[in-house]
Every structure is written in C-alpha cells, then in structure tokens.
Amino acid sequence: MIPIHILEEKELKEIQVIELPMLSKVPISEAHRHQFYECFVFLEGGGTHTIDFVTFPILDHSIHIITPGQVHQINREKKSQGFVYLFDLVLFNRNKNIEDFLFDHACFDVKEFSPIYHFDKTFISTLKNITEQIWNDHQVQSPIKNQLIINQISLLMLYCMQNTLSNSLNNIDKHSDTYTAFRRLLNINFKTMKKVKDYAQRLNITEKLLNEIILQRTGKTVSNLIFNQLILEAKRLLNSGVSAKQVAYDLNFVDPAHFSKFFKNQTGFSPSEFKLIQE
C-alpha cells in the first residue's frame, strides 16, 4: 500500500525546509503520495524520480515540483544532495502568477507540463545563493521568517516559469487561455463532470470549438482527456491500496463492474491485474 503523507494544520502555516544530505548508502525508497506541495532542489544530482508513473533522471542543479495527490518515488544516488520544501498552496495566494503556476502542475499531465526544471551552469551560483538564503532564514527565529522563505521560493518559481516560457514560445496560440482554463476545470471536476457539453457550457463555448482547441493542442478529443484524468486518479488510488470497488464509488461510476470494464478498455488491464504489475 502506498502511504499518504499529511501535514498537520500547524505545519501547513509554515514552509517546512529539509536538507537532503549526501548518502552513506542508497536507501530503498517507497512510492507515496501526499496532501501538500513539495519542491525539491538538487544541487548535486544522481538517480531517478518517478512521478505519476513516469520516470525522470535527477540532474545536477534541477528543481522538481510535486503536487498533492501525485504518486512519486525518489531513488537518489549517494552523491546527490540538496533541499526539499513542503508547503500548502494557500501560502502563495498573494502572488496569483506563482499560485497559478504551481496549481497548473496539478492540472496538466507530467508528460505535457514537465515538473522537472534543469538549469545550465550559468545558474549554479544563483541557485546555491537562494537555497543558502532559505536555509539561513529557516534557522532564525523571527516573526517574518515564513514570509522571507516564501519570497525566496517565489523567486525560484519565477526562474522555473522563465524556463518554461523560453521553451514554449513557439507553442503559444490564441486559444492557450481557453485550454488552460479547461485543464484547471477538469482537474477540479473530473469526478462529477464527465460529458464534453458540461465543460463547454462552463467555458461559454460550443462543444465543437472546445474539441477543435483540444485536438489542435493535444491530438486528442475532450473525451480522451476526461478519460485520461479518470484513469490517472484510478491508478493513484489503486496503488494506494484502495479496492477497485471503492475506486469505482470515489470516481462516481454507476457500479464496480462498469468501472472495471472502463479501466480495462482504457489500459488493457483489469484493476486487479494493474495492482499486481505495480507490486
């Protein structure tokens, strides 16, 4: 069973700062999910990081962003080191750009909107300076300590945003805002809204236009993306030890048999076969 990590209400009010020291031996890590955000900063890389069933290499001077609900597993090499910051999204609600940027990592597939940011050598000193400042601020008892750390992490996120923008300038089109709005709407409502017309109505556009936008952007239909979101959450729940019957009810299927048929049609495996593969 994949454990779910939770921060207490008191801990959610402050950003948790944890150092990732060099290892004396490579630990046997376990896949898990949590109800808060994690931002990993790797000053020295090595190893792999699997996020929602996709494996990424851990590179030097890179940043990894993990959102609530995602299943992830880190296998670090001995030389790897850096920091991890744990926080709730509400701490960034004073900066809408940062809040939206972080929330979009929860809304988009990791293959489409990568949670990994790798910076070249020219950024090394900047990355080290920011992480050192966060660590120093974390050590000091001050009524504004949390805000100081938030400001520094916001700076890291701005550099990640800049990295994303520089890599996606050629992909910007007139419907980008509509597409993003759809992905955010889907992330919040996929358990209860499963029809294309529901999303089109909420976005105040026709079903035809919505399908055209999604097809142009992804090569898939709106229904494909709705189904993909349901399957991703089903996989997360199944990997967390939830029974297929409970998953069916959690995702608002008519009955477990309907869910099992849907799951097998989409993945080629029954829920029980999928769980065996992941063990």
Protein backbone atom coordinates (compact mmCIF):
# COMPACT_ATOMS: atom_id res chain seq x y z
CA MET A 1 0.00 0.00 0.00
CA ILE A 2 1.29 3.46 -0.93
CA PRO A 3 1.30 5.73 2.15
CA ILE A 4 -0.31 9.17 2.11
CA HIS A 5 1.72 11.87 3.91
CA ILE A 6 -0.20 14.68 5.60
CA LEU A 7 0.95 17.92 7.22
CA GLU A 8 -0.80 18.98 10.41
CA GLU A 9 -2.73 22.26 10.34
CA LYS A 10 0.03 24.00 12.32
CA GLU A 11 2.67 22.76 9.88
CA LEU A 12 0.66 23.98 6.89
CA LYS A 13 1.03 27.55 8.14
CA GLU A 14 4.79 27.41 7.74
CA ILE A 15 7.04 26.14 4.97
CA GLN A 16 8.97 23.05 6.04
CA VAL A 17 12.63 23.14 4.98
CA ILE A 18 14.51 19.83 4.92
CA GLU A 19 18.10 19.22 3.84
CA LEU A 20 18.86 16.29 1.53
CA PRO A 21 22.37 15.27 2.61
CA MET A 22 24.79 13.10 0.67
CA LEU A 23 24.05 9.45 1.42
CA SER A 24 26.31 6.88 3.01
CA LYS A 25 24.29 4.23 1.20
CA VAL A 26 21.45 4.22 -1.31
CA PRO A 27 18.18 3.77 0.60
CA ILE A 28 15.27 1.63 -0.55
CA SER A 29 12.62 4.29 -1.09
CA GLU A 30 8.90 3.66 -1.40
CA ALA A 31 6.28 5.23 -3.63
CA HIS A 32 3.95 7.56 -1.77
CA ARG A 33 1.56 10.48 -2.21
CA HIS A 34 0.77 13.45 -0.01
CA GLN A 35 -1.69 16.27 0.51
CA PHE A 36 0.75 19.15 0.14
CA TYR A 37 3.26 20.51 -2.36
CA GLU A 38 6.92 19.53 -2.42
CA CYS A 39 9.68 21.43 -4.18
CA PHE A 40 12.95 19.50 -4.49
CA VAL A 41 16.13 21.38 -5.30
CA PHE A 42 19.00 19.12 -6.36
CA LEU A 43 22.37 20.87 -6.23
CA GLU A 44 24.04 17.55 -7.00
CA GLY A 45 22.03 15.01 -8.95
CA GLY A 46 22.11 11.29 -9.48
CA GLY A 47 19.36 8.71 -9.53
CA THR A 48 15.78 8.80 -10.72
CA HIS A 49 12.48 10.36 -9.69
CA THR A 50 9.23 8.65 -10.74
CA ILE A 51 6.20 10.95 -10.77
CA ASP A 52 2.74 9.62 -11.65
CA PHE A 53 4.28 6.51 -13.26
CA VAL A 54 6.76 8.48 -15.43
CA THR A 55 10.47 8.25 -14.56
CA PHE A 56 12.78 11.28 -14.81
CA PRO A 57 16.55 11.46 -14.22
CA ILE A 58 17.74 13.52 -11.26
CA LEU A 59 20.18 16.01 -12.80
CA ASP A 60 22.57 18.50 -11.20
CA HIS A 61 21.09 21.94 -10.40
CA SER A 62 17.49 20.96 -11.08
CA ILE A 63 14.12 21.65 -9.45
CA HIS A 64 11.29 19.10 -9.15
CA ILE A 65 7.74 20.16 -8.25
CA ILE A 66 5.34 17.58 -6.76
CA THR A 67 1.65 18.36 -6.25
CA PRO A 68 -0.94 16.95 -3.83
CA GLY A 69 -2.29 13.58 -4.92
CA GLN A 70 0.59 12.67 -7.22
CA VAL A 71 2.31 9.33 -6.61
CA HIS A 72 6.07 9.70 -6.60
CA GLN A 73 9.20 7.77 -5.67
CA ILE A 74 12.79 9.02 -5.40
CA ASN A 75 15.82 6.80 -5.80
CA ARG A 76 18.80 9.03 -5.10
CA GLU A 77 22.42 8.13 -5.69
CA LYS A 78 24.93 8.55 -2.87
CA LYS A 79 26.42 11.80 -4.20
CA SER A 80 23.06 13.55 -4.62
CA GLN A 81 22.25 16.41 -2.27
CA GLY A 82 20.02 19.45 -1.98
CA PHE A 83 16.83 20.51 -0.22
CA VAL A 84 13.09 19.87 -0.20
CA TYR A 85 10.45 22.45 0.72
CA LEU A 86 6.98 21.33 1.89
CA PHE A 87 4.08 23.76 1.79
CA ASP A 88 0.41 24.40 1.15
CA LEU A 89 -0.64 26.37 -1.93
CA VAL A 90 -2.56 28.90 0.16
CA LEU A 91 0.78 30.38 1.30
CA PHE A 92 1.27 31.75 -2.21
CA ASN A 93 -2.18 33.23 -2.75
CA ARG A 94 -0.84 36.78 -2.56
CA ASN A 95 1.01 36.18 -5.81
CA LYS A 96 -1.51 34.98 -8.40
CA ASN A 97 1.15 34.17 -11.02
CA ILE A 98 3.04 31.87 -8.64
CA GLU A 99 -0.17 30.30 -7.32
CA ASP A 100 -1.44 29.56 -10.84
CA PHE A 101 1.94 28.22 -11.92
CA LEU A 102 2.03 25.76 -9.02
CA PHE A 103 -1.62 24.77 -9.44
CA ASP A 104 -1.11 24.06 -13.15
CA HIS A 105 1.35 21.31 -12.22
CA ALA A 106 -1.61 19.54 -10.63
CA CYS A 107 -3.83 20.15 -13.66
CA PHE A 108 -1.60 19.04 -16.53
CA ASP A 109 -0.18 15.62 -17.31
CA VAL A 110 3.51 15.35 -16.35
CA LYS A 111 4.36 14.45 -19.96
CA GLU A 112 2.76 17.66 -21.17
CA PHE A 113 3.81 20.07 -18.42
CA SER A 114 7.04 18.71 -17.02
CA PRO A 115 7.50 19.01 -13.25
CA ILE A 116 11.28 18.98 -13.79
CA TYR A 117 13.36 22.13 -14.35
CA HIS A 118 17.00 21.78 -15.28
CA PHE A 119 19.27 24.82 -15.36
CA ASP A 120 22.63 25.24 -17.08
CA LYS A 121 25.92 26.03 -15.36
CA THR A 122 25.38 29.79 -15.53
CA PHE A 123 22.58 29.39 -12.97
CA ILE A 124 24.54 27.36 -10.41
CA SER A 125 25.69 30.29 -8.25
CA THR A 126 22.19 31.82 -8.25
CA LEU A 127 20.61 28.51 -7.23
CA LYS A 128 23.14 28.00 -4.44
CA ASN A 129 22.67 31.55 -3.16
CA ILE A 130 18.89 31.20 -3.00
CA THR A 131 18.96 27.79 -1.27
CA GLU A 132 21.56 29.02 1.22
CA GLN A 133 19.41 32.04 2.00
CA ILE A 134 16.36 29.84 2.54
CA TRP A 135 18.36 27.56 4.84
CA ASN A 136 19.73 30.54 6.80
CA ASP A 137 16.27 32.09 7.15
CA HIS A 138 14.94 28.74 8.31
CA GLN A 139 17.46 28.66 11.18
CA VAL A 140 16.48 32.07 12.54
CA GLN A 141 13.57 32.62 14.90
CA SER A 142 11.72 35.62 13.52
CA PRO A 143 8.06 36.62 13.14
CA ILE A 144 8.67 37.19 9.43
CA LYS A 145 10.72 34.03 8.85
CA ASN A 146 7.99 32.31 6.87
CA GLN A 147 7.49 35.31 4.59
CA LEU A 148 11.21 35.54 3.93
CA ILE A 149 11.26 31.88 2.86
CA ILE A 150 8.12 32.33 0.74
CA ASN A 151 9.80 35.22 -1.08
CA GLN A 152 12.87 33.12 -1.87
CA ILE A 153 10.84 30.12 -3.06
CA SER A 154 8.75 32.51 -5.17
CA LEU A 155 11.99 33.63 -6.78
CA LEU A 156 12.84 30.01 -7.58
CA MET A 157 9.38 29.56 -9.11
CA LEU A 158 9.86 32.67 -11.25
CA TYR A 159 13.05 31.18 -12.65
CA CYS A 160 11.14 27.96 -13.37
CA MET A 161 8.43 29.98 -15.08
CA GLN A 162 11.04 31.76 -17.17
CA ASN A 163 12.49 28.37 -18.10
CA THR A 164 9.04 27.18 -19.18
CA LEU A 165 8.27 30.31 -21.20
CA SER A 166 11.55 30.19 -23.06
CA ASN A 167 10.83 26.58 -24.06
CA SER A 168 7.22 27.14 -25.13
CA LEU A 169 7.21 30.44 -27.02
CA ASN A 170 6.55 28.63 -30.27
CA ASN A 171 3.55 26.79 -28.81
CA ILE A 172 1.54 29.87 -27.81
CA ASP A 173 -1.73 30.24 -29.75
CA LYS A 174 -4.89 32.34 -29.44
CA HIS A 175 -6.67 29.56 -27.55
CA SER A 176 -3.99 28.98 -24.90
CA ASP A 177 -6.05 30.64 -22.17
CA THR A 178 -9.11 28.52 -23.02
CA TYR A 179 -7.04 25.35 -23.00
CA THR A 180 -5.53 26.20 -19.61
CA ALA A 181 -8.98 27.05 -18.23
CA PHE A 182 -10.23 23.67 -19.43
CA ARG A 183 -7.36 21.79 -17.76
CA ARG A 184 -7.97 23.60 -14.47
CA LEU A 185 -11.71 22.93 -14.70
CA LEU A 186 -11.06 19.27 -15.47
CA ASN A 187 -8.71 18.87 -12.51
CA ILE A 188 -11.35 20.14 -10.11
CA ASN A 189 -14.45 18.48 -11.59
CA PHE A 190 -13.45 15.27 -13.40
CA LYS A 191 -15.09 13.01 -10.82
CA THR A 192 -18.52 14.53 -11.40
CA MET A 193 -18.35 16.19 -14.84
CA LYS A 194 -17.77 13.53 -17.49
CA LYS A 195 -19.53 14.99 -20.52
CA VAL A 196 -17.99 17.35 -23.09
CA LYS A 197 -21.07 19.58 -23.07
CA ASP A 198 -20.62 20.29 -19.34
CA TYR A 199 -17.13 21.73 -19.87
CA ALA A 200 -18.18 23.65 -22.99
CA GLN A 201 -21.02 25.28 -21.07
CA ARG A 202 -18.76 26.27 -18.18
CA LEU A 203 -16.27 27.78 -20.65
CA ASN A 204 -19.04 29.51 -22.63
CA ILE A 205 -18.03 27.97 -25.95
CA THR A 206 -19.53 25.31 -28.22
CA GLU A 207 -18.63 21.64 -27.92
CA LYS A 208 -17.29 21.77 -31.48
CA LEU A 209 -14.91 24.63 -30.71
CA LEU A 210 -13.73 23.01 -27.47
CA ASN A 211 -12.96 19.77 -29.29
CA GLU A 212 -11.13 21.68 -32.02
CA ILE A 213 -8.99 23.50 -29.44
CA ILE A 214 -8.15 20.31 -27.56
CA LEU A 215 -7.46 18.35 -30.75
CA GLN A 216 -5.15 21.05 -32.11
CA ARG A 217 -3.26 21.28 -28.81
CA THR A 218 -3.02 17.60 -27.86
CA GLY A 219 -4.10 15.47 -30.81
CA LYS A 220 -6.83 14.06 -28.57
CA THR A 221 -10.53 14.71 -28.03
CA VAL A 222 -12.04 16.26 -24.94
CA SER A 223 -13.45 12.86 -24.00
CA ASN A 224 -9.94 11.37 -24.26
CA LEU A 225 -8.63 13.88 -21.72
CA ILE A 226 -11.56 13.31 -19.36
CA PHE A 227 -10.97 9.55 -19.55
CA ASN A 228 -7.21 10.02 -19.07
CA GLN A 229 -7.81 12.06 -15.91
CA LEU A 230 -10.12 9.38 -14.53
CA ILE A 231 -7.60 6.64 -15.31
CA LEU A 232 -4.73 8.55 -13.72
CA GLU A 233 -6.67 9.04 -10.49
CA ALA A 234 -7.80 5.41 -10.58
CA LYS A 235 -4.16 4.28 -10.86
CA ARG A 236 -3.18 6.54 -7.97
CA LEU A 237 -5.93 5.13 -5.77
CA LEU A 238 -5.28 1.51 -6.74
CA ASN A 239 -1.60 1.99 -5.93
CA SER A 240 -2.58 3.43 -2.56
CA GLY A 241 -4.25 0.17 -1.59
CA VAL A 242 -7.82 1.27 -2.33
CA SER A 243 -10.05 -1.55 -3.58
CA ALA A 244 -11.46 -1.43 -7.12
CA LYS A 245 -14.93 -1.27 -5.60
CA GLN A 246 -14.07 1.81 -3.55
CA VAL A 247 -12.31 3.45 -6.51
CA ALA A 248 -15.48 2.99 -8.56
CA TYR A 249 -17.52 4.80 -5.92
CA ASP A 250 -14.89 7.51 -5.38
CA LEU A 251 -14.90 8.29 -9.10
CA ASN A 252 -18.70 8.20 -9.28
CA PHE A 253 -19.13 5.21 -11.58
CA VAL A 254 -22.53 3.53 -11.65
CA ASP A 255 -21.09 0.34 -10.16
CA PRO A 256 -17.75 -1.52 -9.79
CA ALA A 257 -18.40 -3.65 -12.88
CA HIS A 258 -18.82 -0.53 -15.02
CA PHE A 259 -15.57 0.89 -13.63
CA SER A 260 -13.63 -2.35 -14.20
CA LYS A 261 -14.82 -2.51 -17.81
CA PHE A 262 -13.88 1.14 -18.37
CA PHE A 263 -10.45 0.65 -16.79
CA LYS A 264 -9.65 -2.40 -18.91
CA ASN A 265 -10.83 -0.70 -22.10
CA GLN A 266 -8.54 2.24 -21.41
CA THR A 267 -5.43 0.43 -20.11
CA GLY A 268 -5.64 -3.14 -21.37
CA PHE A 269 -5.56 -4.42 -17.77
CA SER A 270 -8.19 -5.11 -15.18
CA PRO A 271 -7.79 -3.15 -11.89
CA SER A 272 -6.53 -6.30 -10.14
CA GLU A 273 -4.01 -7.00 -12.92
CA PHE A 274 -2.76 -3.43 -12.73
CA LYS A 275 -2.21 -3.71 -8.98
CA LEU A 276 -0.19 -6.91 -9.48
CA ILE A 277 2.02 -5.23 -12.10
CA GLN A 278 2.81 -2.38 -9.71
CA GLU A 279 3.85 -4.65 -6.82
